[in-house]
Amino acid sequence: MSIKIELTPFEVLVGGLIGTARNDQALRGRFRESTGQSNGDKFGNNIEGLLGEIAVCRWRKIYWDMSMGAVGGPDAGPYEVRTNCSRLYDDLNLRPGKDELKKNKIWISVCAFTPVFRLDGWIWGDEAMKAAPCEWFRLGAPGRPPAWWVPRRMLHPIEELPTVEQTLQMMQQREFA
């Protein structure tokens, strides 16, 4: 079962402004390109991705300080958020490279229908990024590099997402295991 969060017009406006700034940083080369997306796709995805992070923060009652989602920063407290804007696919997408550095984190799958965001489920990064080759590591859209595509049905139910405190404790245990 999914959880739907409807953002307020002001949240969408602020998220749009900050998402636009994030997109500008990407175009100026501050972010390393790893998705294979066109610049046009990135613009909307940067905005909707940020709005997905706001939706998770709102649901989990995590203060969103407007710097979340900055390069190397957290998306939503201890959680990583991947917002999907596709109307064809609802898999959670994790990419080789920078996403692999976050294997000990929880990834939350969000589907965007701005201003409504559907929180579909979650998975630990190391569960999603099983050693390749695995059935989830494959090509996505034409022209884009291979990635892990976790089917929605394989995600843990969003209602079972560990609390912030539990997540921090589990991340620490996983890091030293």
Protein backbone atom coordinates (compact mmCIF):
# COMPACT_ATOMS: atom_id res chain seq x y z
CA MET A 1 0.00 0.00 0.00
CA SER A 2 1.24 3.48 -0.84
CA ILE A 3 0.89 6.73 1.05
CA LYS A 4 -0.17 9.87 -0.80
CA ILE A 5 1.08 13.29 0.27
CA GLU A 6 -0.35 16.45 -1.28
CA LEU A 7 2.00 19.42 -1.12
CA THR A 8 0.66 22.92 -0.58
CA PRO A 9 0.95 25.49 -3.38
CA PHE A 10 3.65 27.27 -1.34
CA GLU A 11 5.66 24.04 -0.92
CA VAL A 12 5.47 23.46 -4.68
CA LEU A 13 6.56 27.07 -5.35
CA VAL A 14 9.53 26.91 -2.97
CA GLY A 15 10.49 23.45 -4.23
CA GLY A 16 10.27 24.71 -7.80
CA LEU A 17 12.58 27.63 -7.08
CA ILE A 18 15.16 25.48 -5.29
CA GLY A 19 14.83 22.72 -7.90
CA THR A 20 15.51 25.31 -10.60
CA ALA A 21 18.63 26.42 -8.71
CA ARG A 22 19.70 22.77 -8.42
CA ASN A 23 19.21 22.37 -12.17
CA ASP A 24 21.28 25.52 -12.81
CA GLN A 25 24.10 24.05 -10.70
CA ALA A 26 23.92 20.84 -12.73
CA LEU A 27 24.11 22.74 -16.02
CA ARG A 28 27.12 24.68 -14.77
CA GLY A 29 28.90 21.40 -14.09
CA ARG A 30 28.68 21.34 -10.32
CA PHE A 31 27.07 17.88 -10.47
CA ARG A 32 28.71 15.00 -12.30
CA GLU A 33 26.40 13.72 -15.04
CA SER A 34 25.58 10.07 -14.49
CA THR A 35 22.01 9.64 -15.69
CA GLY A 36 22.25 10.00 -19.46
CA GLN A 37 19.25 12.37 -19.39
CA SER A 38 18.81 15.29 -21.76
CA ASN A 39 18.98 18.77 -20.23
CA GLY A 40 15.23 19.15 -20.78
CA ASP A 41 14.49 15.98 -18.82
CA LYS A 42 16.83 17.03 -16.02
CA PHE A 43 15.01 20.34 -15.49
CA GLY A 44 11.68 18.75 -14.61
CA ASN A 45 13.30 15.83 -12.81
CA ASN A 46 15.37 18.15 -10.58
CA ILE A 47 12.24 20.01 -9.53
CA GLU A 48 10.04 16.95 -9.04
CA GLY A 49 12.88 15.12 -7.30
CA LEU A 50 13.18 17.93 -4.78
CA LEU A 51 9.41 17.98 -4.30
CA GLY A 52 9.53 14.23 -3.59
CA GLU A 53 12.08 14.93 -0.85
CA ILE A 54 9.78 17.58 0.63
CA ALA A 55 6.89 15.08 0.59
CA VAL A 56 8.96 12.51 2.52
CA CYS A 57 10.04 15.17 5.04
CA ARG A 58 6.43 16.26 5.53
CA TRP A 59 5.24 12.67 6.06
CA ARG A 60 8.07 11.81 8.48
CA LYS A 61 7.89 15.19 10.26
CA ILE A 62 11.52 15.92 9.36
CA TYR A 63 12.42 19.60 9.27
CA TRP A 64 13.31 20.48 5.69
CA ASP A 65 15.96 23.19 5.89
CA MET A 66 16.07 23.94 2.15
CA SER A 67 19.67 22.73 1.86
CA MET A 68 18.62 19.10 1.79
CA GLY A 69 19.40 17.65 -1.59
CA ALA A 70 22.51 19.82 -1.94
CA VAL A 71 25.56 18.09 -3.41
CA GLY A 72 26.57 15.36 -0.98
CA GLY A 73 23.89 16.36 1.51
CA PRO A 74 20.98 14.33 2.79
CA ASP A 75 17.70 14.11 0.89
CA ALA A 76 15.36 13.71 3.86
CA GLY A 77 17.11 13.21 7.19
CA PRO A 78 18.78 9.79 7.10
CA TYR A 79 16.80 8.69 4.04
CA GLU A 80 17.68 8.89 0.37
CA VAL A 81 14.74 9.68 -1.89
CA ARG A 82 14.37 8.70 -5.53
CA THR A 83 11.42 10.38 -7.21
CA ASN A 84 10.10 8.79 -10.39
CA CYS A 85 8.37 11.06 -12.90
CA SER A 86 7.63 8.29 -15.41
CA ARG A 87 4.11 7.29 -16.30
CA LEU A 88 5.36 4.03 -17.88
CA TYR A 89 7.56 2.54 -15.15
CA ASP A 90 7.49 2.62 -11.36
CA ASP A 91 10.79 0.88 -10.57
CA LEU A 92 13.18 2.44 -8.05
CA ASN A 93 16.31 3.45 -9.96
CA LEU A 94 19.79 3.42 -8.38
CA ARG A 95 22.87 4.20 -10.42
CA PRO A 96 26.41 2.85 -10.32
CA GLY A 97 28.89 5.36 -8.92
CA LYS A 98 27.61 7.88 -6.41
CA ASP A 99 24.56 5.81 -5.38
CA GLU A 100 26.89 2.90 -4.55
CA LEU A 101 28.50 5.11 -1.90
CA LYS A 102 25.14 5.08 -0.10
CA LYS A 103 24.64 1.30 0.17
CA ASN A 104 24.13 1.51 3.92
CA LYS A 105 21.20 3.92 3.58
CA ILE A 106 17.49 3.45 3.09
CA TRP A 107 16.14 4.50 -0.30
CA ILE A 108 12.51 5.59 -0.53
CA SER A 109 10.65 5.29 -3.83
CA VAL A 110 8.33 8.21 -4.61
CA CYS A 111 6.15 8.63 -7.70
CA ALA A 112 5.41 12.24 -8.72
CA PHE A 113 1.99 13.50 -9.77
CA THR A 114 2.60 17.10 -8.68
CA PRO A 115 1.22 18.32 -6.29
CA VAL A 116 0.46 14.75 -5.13
CA PHE A 117 3.34 12.40 -4.36
CA ARG A 118 2.91 8.67 -3.85
CA LEU A 119 5.35 7.09 -1.39
CA ASP A 120 5.57 3.52 -2.66
CA GLY A 121 8.07 1.72 -0.46
CA TRP A 122 11.68 1.49 0.64
CA ILE A 123 14.76 -0.71 0.44
CA TRP A 124 18.28 -0.72 1.86
CA GLY A 125 20.84 0.25 -0.78
CA ASP A 126 22.81 -2.97 -0.39
CA GLU A 127 19.63 -5.02 -0.89
CA ALA A 128 18.92 -3.14 -4.11
CA MET A 129 22.49 -3.22 -5.42
CA LYS A 130 23.06 -6.93 -5.30
CA ALA A 131 26.35 -7.89 -6.91
CA ALA A 132 25.96 -7.60 -10.67
CA PRO A 133 24.93 -9.41 -12.69
CA CYS A 134 21.56 -9.58 -11.06
CA GLU A 135 18.09 -9.40 -12.52
CA TRP A 136 17.67 -5.78 -11.39
CA PHE A 137 20.86 -4.47 -13.06
CA ARG A 138 19.90 -3.62 -16.63
CA LEU A 139 19.54 -0.92 -19.24
CA GLY A 140 16.71 1.54 -18.77
CA ALA A 141 15.61 4.03 -21.40
CA PRO A 142 17.52 4.06 -24.70
CA GLY A 143 20.78 6.00 -24.48
CA ARG A 144 20.99 5.78 -20.69
CA PRO A 145 23.61 3.75 -18.83
CA PRO A 146 22.70 0.53 -16.99
CA ALA A 147 21.43 0.84 -13.43
CA TRP A 148 19.61 -1.12 -10.75
CA TRP A 149 15.85 -1.06 -11.36
CA VAL A 150 14.06 -2.40 -8.28
CA PRO A 151 10.48 -3.45 -9.07
CA ARG A 152 7.91 -1.72 -6.90
CA ARG A 153 6.54 -5.06 -5.72
CA MET A 154 9.98 -5.87 -4.22
CA LEU A 155 10.08 -2.79 -1.98
CA HIS A 156 9.31 -2.99 1.71
CA PRO A 157 5.91 -1.44 2.54
CA ILE A 158 6.24 2.28 3.23
CA GLU A 159 4.22 1.84 6.42
CA GLU A 160 7.07 -0.31 7.75
CA LEU A 161 9.75 2.35 7.21
CA PRO A 162 11.93 2.49 10.34
CA THR A 163 11.76 5.74 12.30
CA VAL A 164 14.55 8.28 11.96
CA GLU A 165 16.08 7.09 15.24
CA GLN A 166 15.85 3.41 14.25
CA THR A 167 17.31 4.15 10.84
CA LEU A 168 20.31 6.01 12.29
CA GLN A 169 20.98 3.15 14.68
CA MET A 170 20.66 0.50 11.95
CA MET A 171 22.90 2.49 9.58
CA GLN A 172 25.59 2.59 12.25
CA GLN A 173 25.29 -1.16 12.86
CA ARG A 174 25.45 -1.88 9.12
CA GLU A 175 28.49 0.33 8.67
CA PHE A 176 30.48 -1.58 11.30
CA ALA A 177 29.19 -5.05 10.42
